Structure formats: structure tokens, C-alpha cells
């Protein structure tokens, strides 16, 4: 039986599911994430940027807790500097829960391709990237047809290049699917991979975390940005 998202009237808010003191004084930032977590506005991307220690991951985790409380499906992964050369390692982390679910919710053809490429089940030395990307898109669409789907990526700058290309491929073809992409990114990374080249730029938003302000939301040093060239750093040309 498919889980039903919580109705709008009973939907938990980000503030109601967050008790972490590290988010005290982050009212403006919480409001931005709260608006993003409305699946009626998906597909959409929110990229949270900031220097180390600004609370990017804390805010990211709070968003996941709220999405879970609302009945969304969460697929998450974290980029790792040491795994950047491992093809599909992050895509495998992202999709592993769906592939290991029993009974499977995926189409057999998509599941077979993804198991071979991502879980190395019967994998060959040469993997057809287009087949993997199409299977990834099919799997995400299948999951999103059952409940809103949030793809959550921490430290997106360290995704391996094959996984990032897959993310771009999927973003270009989301259509009207209720799929959100939430990513964190350090300010120091300056080679963006432009997601708005692959989807409507109005659906790609960014938020830069500054020092926490303990006053009103209007005084916060957080800057909500809607930049025409905002994207993700994949470390690829």
C-alpha cells in the first residue's frame, strides 16, 4: 500500500519538527526551506550555500525530518572528496534504498540496469551511460508517482562526475513530476554546473547562509538569491 502525503491542513511545518538549537535565529532561512518543501511547486531545486560552520548540513537535515513527517519519500546521499573518481558511486547511494526494497517498486527493466551499474550485480566492464540515466529517470518517476520525492544531496560539489551527469539528465526531463532536489554547497567552489541549462531557471533557487542573526527575520544576514547562473559544481567541463 502506497503511503499518502499528509494533507496541507495537517502538514507539519519545518519549525514544528525542528528542535535543534543550532537553527535558533534562522527564521528567514527556515521560511525559504518551508516554501521549497511544497510539492505543488515541484519539480524544483534549492541549493543551500555557505562557509564551513554556517549550518548548511543542520538545515539540510531539518528539511529531511520535515519531509519525512509529511510522508514524502526521501533519497539522500553525501558527496565525498575521496570518491570523486568512482563512477556512479553517489547515484548508487541515492538509489540503493529503492533497489533494496522488497517487493521492488521499480520496473524490472530499470531495476536490472540500475542493479548492474550501481550495485555491481552482474556488472560488465563497460556500462552504457544512457541506459543508466534512462533507468534512473524511470525509477524516480515511478517513485514520484506514488508520493512526493525529495532527492537530498549534502556536499554536492564532491559528487562523482558520472552521477552528476545523471542528475543533469534527470533534471532536464522531470516534466511535472513532484520531485524536489535539495543540495548543499560551500561558497568556495566556483565552477558551477548550470542546472537551469537543463530545466526552467525559475525552478532553480539558491540561499546563502551568513552569520546567524538573533533579531528579526528581516535583519538576518542570510541572502536569498535567485541568480540566473546558479548551479552545481560537478568538477567536470
C-alpha atoms as a PDB file:
ATOM      1  CA  UNK A   1       0.000   0.000   0.000  1.00  0.00           C
ATOM      2  CA  UNK A   2       1.344   3.408  -1.014  1.00  0.00           C
ATOM      3  CA  UNK A   3       1.923   5.956   1.743  1.00  0.00           C
ATOM      4  CA  UNK A   4      -0.198   9.076   1.309  1.00  0.00           C
ATOM      5  CA  UNK A   5       1.332  12.515   1.850  1.00  0.00           C
ATOM      6  CA  UNK A   6      -0.046  14.442   4.804  1.00  0.00           C
ATOM      7  CA  UNK A   7      -2.812  16.859   3.801  1.00  0.00           C
ATOM      8  CA  UNK A   8      -1.975  20.561   3.612  1.00  0.00           C
ATOM      9  CA  UNK A   9      -4.061  21.314   6.691  1.00  0.00           C
ATOM     10  CA  UNK A  10      -2.292  18.708   8.827  1.00  0.00           C
ATOM     11  CA  UNK A  11       1.145  19.155   7.234  1.00  0.00           C
ATOM     12  CA  UNK A  12       3.960  19.504   9.812  1.00  0.00           C
ATOM     13  CA  UNK A  13       5.941  22.720   9.447  1.00  0.00           C
ATOM     14  CA  UNK A  14       9.694  22.906   9.437  1.00  0.00           C
ATOM     15  CA  UNK A  15       9.630  24.784  12.746  1.00  0.00           C
ATOM     16  CA  UNK A  16       7.367  22.197  14.410  1.00  0.00           C
ATOM     17  CA  UNK A  17       9.680  19.301  13.539  1.00  0.00           C
ATOM     18  CA  UNK A  18      12.907  21.118  14.386  1.00  0.00           C
ATOM     19  CA  UNK A  19      14.198  21.280  17.945  1.00  0.00           C
ATOM     20  CA  UNK A  20      17.877  21.761  17.098  1.00  0.00           C
ATOM     21  CA  UNK A  21      19.240  24.812  18.905  1.00  0.00           C
ATOM     22  CA  UNK A  22      21.714  25.366  16.068  1.00  0.00           C
ATOM     23  CA  UNK A  23      18.827  26.729  13.979  1.00  0.00           C
ATOM     24  CA  UNK A  24      17.822  29.358  16.544  1.00  0.00           C
ATOM     25  CA  UNK A  25      17.649  32.744  14.837  1.00  0.00           C
ATOM     26  CA  UNK A  26      17.347  31.197  11.376  1.00  0.00           C
ATOM     27  CA  UNK A  27      13.710  32.187  10.802  1.00  0.00           C
ATOM     28  CA  UNK A  28      14.296  33.605   7.331  1.00  0.00           C
ATOM     29  CA  UNK A  29      16.203  30.519   6.214  1.00  0.00           C
ATOM     30  CA  UNK A  30      13.551  28.204   7.652  1.00  0.00           C
ATOM     31  CA  UNK A  31      10.896  30.113   5.724  1.00  0.00           C
ATOM     32  CA  UNK A  32      12.792  29.654   2.456  1.00  0.00           C
ATOM     33  CA  UNK A  33      13.112  25.911   3.017  1.00  0.00           C
ATOM     34  CA  UNK A  34       9.471  25.729   4.131  1.00  0.00           C
ATOM     35  CA  UNK A  35       8.344  27.240   0.818  1.00  0.00           C
ATOM     36  CA  UNK A  36      10.600  24.881  -1.110  1.00  0.00           C
ATOM     37  CA  UNK A  37       9.106  21.819   0.630  1.00  0.00           C
ATOM     38  CA  UNK A  38       5.713  22.372  -1.023  1.00  0.00           C
ATOM     39  CA  UNK A  39       5.438  19.587  -3.645  1.00  0.00           C
ATOM     40  CA  UNK A  40       2.825  21.619  -5.537  1.00  0.00           C
ATOM     41  CA  UNK A  41       5.739  23.759  -6.742  1.00  0.00           C
ATOM     42  CA  UNK A  42       7.924  20.814  -7.787  1.00  0.00           C
ATOM     43  CA  UNK A  43       9.957  19.937  -9.721  1.00  0.00           C
ATOM     44  CA  UNK A  44      12.299  22.433  -8.115  1.00  0.00           C
ATOM     45  CA  UNK A  45      15.863  22.756  -6.858  1.00  0.00           C
ATOM     46  CA  UNK A  46      17.090  24.514  -3.723  1.00  0.00           C
ATOM     47  CA  UNK A  47      20.826  24.911  -3.209  1.00  0.00           C
ATOM     48  CA  UNK A  48      21.990  25.953   0.269  1.00  0.00           C
ATOM     49  CA  UNK A  49      25.418  27.597   0.156  1.00  0.00           C
ATOM     50  CA  UNK A  50      27.676  28.781   2.943  1.00  0.00           C
ATOM     51  CA  UNK A  51      31.093  28.649   4.505  1.00  0.00           C
ATOM     52  CA  UNK A  52      32.016  25.785   6.818  1.00  0.00           C
ATOM     53  CA  UNK A  53      30.237  26.021  10.156  1.00  0.00           C
ATOM     54  CA  UNK A  54      27.336  28.139   8.902  1.00  0.00           C
ATOM     55  CA  UNK A  55      24.825  25.321   9.414  1.00  0.00           C
ATOM     56  CA  UNK A  56      24.209  24.046   5.870  1.00  0.00           C
ATOM     57  CA  UNK A  57      24.032  20.407   6.905  1.00  0.00           C
ATOM     58  CA  UNK A  58      21.950  21.172  10.012  1.00  0.00           C
ATOM     59  CA  UNK A  59      19.374  22.943   7.847  1.00  0.00           C
ATOM     60  CA  UNK A  60      19.548  20.112   5.288  1.00  0.00           C
ATOM     61  CA  UNK A  61      18.840  17.519   7.982  1.00  0.00           C
ATOM     62  CA  UNK A  62      15.954  19.560   9.363  1.00  0.00           C
ATOM     63  CA  UNK A  63      14.398  19.676   5.898  1.00  0.00           C
ATOM     64  CA  UNK A  64      14.679  15.884   5.632  1.00  0.00           C
ATOM     65  CA  UNK A  65      12.995  15.424   9.014  1.00  0.00           C
ATOM     66  CA  UNK A  66      10.112  17.641   7.954  1.00  0.00           C
ATOM     67  CA  UNK A  67       9.735  15.945   4.571  1.00  0.00           C
ATOM     68  CA  UNK A  68       9.666  12.549   6.285  1.00  0.00           C
ATOM     69  CA  UNK A  69       6.991  13.749   8.731  1.00  0.00           C
ATOM     70  CA  UNK A  70       4.902  14.862   5.762  1.00  0.00           C
ATOM     71  CA  UNK A  71       5.039  11.438   4.164  1.00  0.00           C
ATOM     72  CA  UNK A  72       7.455  12.261   1.345  1.00  0.00           C
ATOM     73  CA  UNK A  73       9.866   9.679   0.005  1.00  0.00           C
ATOM     74  CA  UNK A  74      13.485  10.654   0.735  1.00  0.00           C
ATOM     75  CA  UNK A  75      16.514   9.527  -1.252  1.00  0.00           C
ATOM     76  CA  UNK A  76      19.731  11.026   0.088  1.00  0.00           C
ATOM     77  CA  UNK A  77      23.485  10.861  -0.333  1.00  0.00           C
ATOM     78  CA  UNK A  78      26.625  12.769   0.608  1.00  0.00           C
ATOM     79  CA  UNK A  79      29.449  13.664  -1.716  1.00  0.00           C
ATOM     80  CA  UNK A  80      32.897  12.538  -0.652  1.00  0.00           C
ATOM     81  CA  UNK A  81      36.142  14.052  -1.851  1.00  0.00           C
ATOM     82  CA  UNK A  82      37.823  10.652  -1.975  1.00  0.00           C
ATOM     83  CA  UNK A  83      35.144   9.057  -4.172  1.00  0.00           C
ATOM     84  CA  UNK A  84      35.042  11.572  -6.982  1.00  0.00           C
ATOM     85  CA  UNK A  85      36.619   9.150  -9.441  1.00  0.00           C
ATOM     86  CA  UNK A  86      34.290   6.247  -8.666  1.00  0.00           C
ATOM     87  CA  UNK A  87      31.644   6.220 -11.382  1.00  0.00           C
ATOM     88  CA  UNK A  88      28.055   6.143 -10.165  1.00  0.00           C
ATOM     89  CA  UNK A  89      29.068   5.787  -6.510  1.00  0.00           C
ATOM     90  CA  UNK A  90      26.778   8.634  -5.416  1.00  0.00           C
ATOM     91  CA  UNK A  91      23.944   7.623  -7.718  1.00  0.00           C
ATOM     92  CA  UNK A  92      24.220   4.178  -6.153  1.00  0.00           C
ATOM     93  CA  UNK A  93      23.980   5.671  -2.651  1.00  0.00           C
ATOM     94  CA  UNK A  94      20.955   7.707  -3.731  1.00  0.00           C
ATOM     95  CA  UNK A  95      19.024   4.811  -5.276  1.00  0.00           C
ATOM     96  CA  UNK A  96      20.178   1.926  -3.074  1.00  0.00           C
ATOM     97  CA  UNK A  97      17.154   2.074  -0.702  1.00  0.00           C
ATOM     98  CA  UNK A  98      14.772   1.799  -3.653  1.00  0.00           C
ATOM     99  CA  UNK A  99      16.759  -1.025  -5.229  1.00  0.00           C
ATOM    100  CA  UNK A 100      16.963  -2.978  -1.987  1.00  0.00           C
ATOM    101  CA  UNK A 101      13.287  -2.525  -1.159  1.00  0.00           C
ATOM    102  CA  UNK A 102      11.247  -5.714  -1.185  1.00  0.00           C
ATOM    103  CA  UNK A 103       8.987  -6.061  -3.018  1.00  0.00           C
ATOM    104  CA  UNK A 104      10.500  -3.756  -5.602  1.00  0.00           C
ATOM    105  CA  UNK A 105       8.541  -0.664  -6.651  1.00  0.00           C
ATOM    106  CA  UNK A 106      10.552  -0.277  -9.862  1.00  0.00           C
ATOM    107  CA  UNK A 107      10.020  -1.520 -13.383  1.00  0.00           C
ATOM    108  CA  UNK A 108      12.007  -4.776 -13.892  1.00  0.00           C
ATOM    109  CA  UNK A 109      13.916  -3.358 -16.877  1.00  0.00           C
ATOM    110  CA  UNK A 110      15.007  -0.239 -14.942  1.00  0.00           C
ATOM    111  CA  UNK A 111      15.860  -2.266 -11.865  1.00  0.00           C
ATOM    112  CA  UNK A 112      18.045  -4.663 -13.840  1.00  0.00           C
ATOM    113  CA  UNK A 113      20.082  -1.853 -15.427  1.00  0.00           C
ATOM    114  CA  UNK A 114      20.493   0.003 -12.136  1.00  0.00           C
ATOM    115  CA  UNK A 115      21.479  -3.089 -10.179  1.00  0.00           C
ATOM    116  CA  UNK A 116      24.155  -3.886 -12.738  1.00  0.00           C
ATOM    117  CA  UNK A 117      25.576  -0.364 -12.888  1.00  0.00           C
ATOM    118  CA  UNK A 118      25.092   0.879  -9.324  1.00  0.00           C
ATOM    119  CA  UNK A 119      25.191  -2.224  -7.143  1.00  0.00           C
ATOM    120  CA  UNK A 120      27.577  -4.127  -9.429  1.00  0.00           C
ATOM    121  CA  UNK A 121      25.178  -7.067  -9.672  1.00  0.00           C
ATOM    122  CA  UNK A 122      26.179  -8.745 -12.901  1.00  0.00           C
ATOM    123  CA  UNK A 123      28.015  -5.609 -13.979  1.00  0.00           C
ATOM    124  CA  UNK A 124      30.181  -5.615 -17.072  1.00  0.00           C
ATOM    125  CA  UNK A 125      33.343  -3.632 -17.605  1.00  0.00           C
ATOM    126  CA  UNK A 126      31.538  -1.212 -19.906  1.00  0.00           C
ATOM    127  CA  UNK A 127      28.394   0.487 -18.672  1.00  0.00           C
ATOM    128  CA  UNK A 128      26.077   2.235 -21.109  1.00  0.00           C
ATOM    129  CA  UNK A 129      25.659   5.660 -19.516  1.00  0.00           C
ATOM    130  CA  UNK A 130      22.494   6.486 -21.476  1.00  0.00           C
ATOM    131  CA  UNK A 131      20.865   3.266 -20.319  1.00  0.00           C
ATOM    132  CA  UNK A 132      21.766   4.081 -16.700  1.00  0.00           C
ATOM    133  CA  UNK A 133      20.420   7.633 -16.992  1.00  0.00           C
ATOM    134  CA  UNK A 134      17.168   6.482 -18.601  1.00  0.00           C
ATOM    135  CA  UNK A 135      16.727   3.803 -15.941  1.00  0.00           C
ATOM    136  CA  UNK A 136      17.410   6.383 -13.216  1.00  0.00           C
ATOM    137  CA  UNK A 137      14.785   8.707 -14.688  1.00  0.00           C
ATOM    138  CA  UNK A 138      12.295   5.856 -14.946  1.00  0.00           C
ATOM    139  CA  UNK A 139      12.920   4.784 -11.359  1.00  0.00           C
ATOM    140  CA  UNK A 140      12.485   8.308  -9.984  1.00  0.00           C
ATOM    141  CA  UNK A 141       9.303   8.859 -11.985  1.00  0.00           C
ATOM    142  CA  UNK A 142       7.928   5.552 -10.721  1.00  0.00           C
ATOM    143  CA  UNK A 143       8.631   6.516  -7.106  1.00  0.00           C
ATOM    144  CA  UNK A 144       7.289  10.066  -7.519  1.00  0.00           C
ATOM    145  CA  UNK A 145       4.027   8.724  -8.948  1.00  0.00           C
ATOM    146  CA  UNK A 146       3.347   7.201  -5.515  1.00  0.00           C
ATOM    147  CA  UNK A 147       4.367  10.091  -3.243  1.00  0.00           C
ATOM    148  CA  UNK A 148       6.365  13.344  -3.402  1.00  0.00           C
ATOM    149  CA  UNK A 149      10.045  12.527  -3.813  1.00  0.00           C
ATOM    150  CA  UNK A 150      12.904  14.553  -2.314  1.00  0.00           C
ATOM    151  CA  UNK A 151      16.451  13.990  -3.559  1.00  0.00           C
ATOM    152  CA  UNK A 152      18.739  15.333  -0.832  1.00  0.00           C
ATOM    153  CA  UNK A 153      22.452  15.752  -1.534  1.00  0.00           C
ATOM    154  CA  UNK A 154      24.921  17.044   1.042  1.00  0.00           C
ATOM    155  CA  UNK A 155      28.275  18.366  -0.243  1.00  0.00           C
ATOM    156  CA  UNK A 156      27.118  18.182  -3.846  1.00  0.00           C
ATOM    157  CA  UNK A 157      30.472  19.551  -5.036  1.00  0.00           C
ATOM    158  CA  UNK A 158      32.051  16.142  -4.393  1.00  0.00           C
ATOM    159  CA  UNK A 159      29.646  14.053  -6.462  1.00  0.00           C
ATOM    160  CA  UNK A 160      31.425  11.835  -8.936  1.00  0.00           C
ATOM    161  CA  UNK A 161      31.133  13.140 -12.498  1.00  0.00           C
ATOM    162  CA  UNK A 162      29.013  10.212 -13.770  1.00  0.00           C
ATOM    163  CA  UNK A 163      26.458  10.740 -11.002  1.00  0.00           C
ATOM    164  CA  UNK A 164      26.356  14.476 -11.680  1.00  0.00           C
ATOM    165  CA  UNK A 165      25.788  13.894 -15.388  1.00  0.00           C
ATOM    166  CA  UNK A 166      22.941  11.585 -14.437  1.00  0.00           C
ATOM    167  CA  UNK A 167      21.454  14.305 -12.235  1.00  0.00           C
ATOM    168  CA  UNK A 168      21.595  16.797 -15.101  1.00  0.00           C
ATOM    169  CA  UNK A 169      19.968  14.276 -17.438  1.00  0.00           C
ATOM    170  CA  UNK A 170      17.138  13.688 -14.963  1.00  0.00           C
ATOM    171  CA  UNK A 171      16.646  17.403 -14.203  1.00  0.00           C
ATOM    172  CA  UNK A 172      16.115  18.117 -17.905  1.00  0.00           C
ATOM    173  CA  UNK A 173      13.297  15.550 -18.097  1.00  0.00           C
ATOM    174  CA  UNK A 174      11.348  15.914 -14.852  1.00  0.00           C
ATOM    175  CA  UNK A 175       8.317  17.462 -16.547  1.00  0.00           C
ATOM    176  CA  UNK A 176       5.640  17.996 -13.908  1.00  0.00           C
ATOM    177  CA  UNK A 177       6.786  15.239 -11.563  1.00  0.00           C
ATOM    178  CA  UNK A 178       6.629  16.072  -7.810  1.00  0.00           C
ATOM    179  CA  UNK A 179      10.399  15.745  -7.367  1.00  0.00           C
ATOM    180  CA  UNK A 180      12.481  18.199  -5.357  1.00  0.00           C
ATOM    181  CA  UNK A 181      16.277  18.408  -5.253  1.00  0.00           C
ATOM    182  CA  UNK A 182      17.879  19.856  -2.110  1.00  0.00           C
ATOM    183  CA  UNK A 183      21.648  20.282  -2.143  1.00  0.00           C
ATOM    184  CA  UNK A 184      24.349  21.902  -0.017  1.00  0.00           C
ATOM    185  CA  UNK A 185      27.421  23.571  -1.473  1.00  0.00           C
ATOM    186  CA  UNK A 186      30.370  25.532   0.004  1.00  0.00           C
ATOM    187  CA  UNK A 187      30.774  29.101  -1.204  1.00  0.00           C
ATOM    188  CA  UNK A 188      34.402  28.438  -2.100  1.00  0.00           C
ATOM    189  CA  UNK A 189      33.509  26.285  -5.114  1.00  0.00           C
ATOM    190  CA  UNK A 190      33.201  28.453  -8.188  1.00  0.00           C
ATOM    191  CA  UNK A 191      32.787  26.111 -11.182  1.00  0.00           C
ATOM    192  CA  UNK A 192      29.020  25.724 -11.461  1.00  0.00           C
ATOM    193  CA  UNK A 193      27.250  23.053 -13.451  1.00  0.00           C
ATOM    194  CA  UNK A 194      24.256  25.055 -14.654  1.00  0.00           C
ATOM    195  CA  UNK A 195      21.066  23.166 -13.825  1.00  0.00           C
ATOM    196  CA  UNK A 196      18.950  25.895 -15.405  1.00  0.00           C
ATOM    197  CA  UNK A 197      20.516  24.892 -18.715  1.00  0.00           C
ATOM    198  CA  UNK A 198      18.592  21.652 -18.225  1.00  0.00           C
ATOM    199  CA  UNK A 199      15.384  22.846 -16.546  1.00  0.00           C
ATOM    200  CA  UNK A 200      13.359  26.031 -16.134  1.00  0.00           C
ATOM    201  CA  UNK A 201      15.647  28.539 -14.407  1.00  0.00           C
ATOM    202  CA  UNK A 202      12.730  29.779 -12.282  1.00  0.00           C
ATOM    203  CA  UNK A 203      12.710  26.381 -10.564  1.00  0.00           C
ATOM    204  CA  UNK A 204      16.376  26.613  -9.504  1.00  0.00           C
ATOM    205  CA  UNK A 205      16.821  28.694  -6.373  1.00  0.00           C
ATOM    206  CA  UNK A 206      19.705  29.307  -4.012  1.00  0.00           C
ATOM    207  CA  UNK A 207      20.202  30.519  -0.475  1.00  0.00           C
ATOM    208  CA  UNK A 208      23.479  31.698   1.029  1.00  0.00           C
ATOM    209  CA  UNK A 209      23.860  31.298   4.794  1.00  0.00           C
ATOM    210  CA  UNK A 210      25.646  34.095   6.593  1.00  0.00           C
ATOM    211  CA  UNK A 211      26.306  34.569  10.319  1.00  0.00           C
ATOM    212  CA  UNK A 212      23.199  33.807  12.351  1.00  0.00           C
ATOM    213  CA  UNK A 213      21.128  36.827  13.339  1.00  0.00           C
ATOM    214  CA  UNK A 214      19.298  36.701  16.660  1.00  0.00           C
ATOM    215  CA  UNK A 215      16.958  39.553  15.759  1.00  0.00           C
ATOM    216  CA  UNK A 216      14.012  39.552  13.362  1.00  0.00           C
ATOM    217  CA  UNK A 217      13.919  37.657  10.095  1.00  0.00           C
ATOM    218  CA  UNK A 218      14.194  40.932   8.162  1.00  0.00           C
ATOM    219  CA  UNK A 219      17.528  41.658   9.816  1.00  0.00           C
ATOM    220  CA  UNK A 220      19.091  38.292   9.038  1.00  0.00           C
ATOM    221  CA  UNK A 221      22.318  38.201   7.121  1.00  0.00           C
ATOM    222  CA  UNK A 222      21.066  35.241   5.120  1.00  0.00           C
ATOM    223  CA  UNK A 223      20.663  36.307   1.481  1.00  0.00           C
ATOM    224  CA  UNK A 224      18.049  34.518  -0.572  1.00  0.00           C
ATOM    225  CA  UNK A 225      19.322  34.517  -4.116  1.00  0.00           C
ATOM    226  CA  UNK A 226      17.678  33.860  -7.432  1.00  0.00           C
ATOM    227  CA  UNK A 227      20.688  34.026  -9.662  1.00  0.00           C
ATOM    228  CA  UNK A 228      20.468  33.415 -13.395  1.00  0.00           C
ATOM    229  CA  UNK A 229      23.727  31.439 -13.359  1.00  0.00           C
ATOM    230  CA  UNK A 230      23.179  29.422 -10.178  1.00  0.00           C
ATOM    231  CA  UNK A 231      24.111  25.754 -10.478  1.00  0.00           C
ATOM    232  CA  UNK A 232      26.043  22.842  -9.044  1.00  0.00           C
ATOM    233  CA  UNK A 233      29.777  22.269  -9.049  1.00  0.00           C
ATOM    234  CA  UNK A 234      30.450  18.876 -10.554  1.00  0.00           C
ATOM    235  CA  UNK A 235      34.128  19.249 -11.249  1.00  0.00           C
ATOM    236  CA  UNK A 236      33.500  18.491 -14.942  1.00  0.00           C
ATOM    237  CA  UNK A 237      33.688  20.619 -18.021  1.00  0.00           C
END
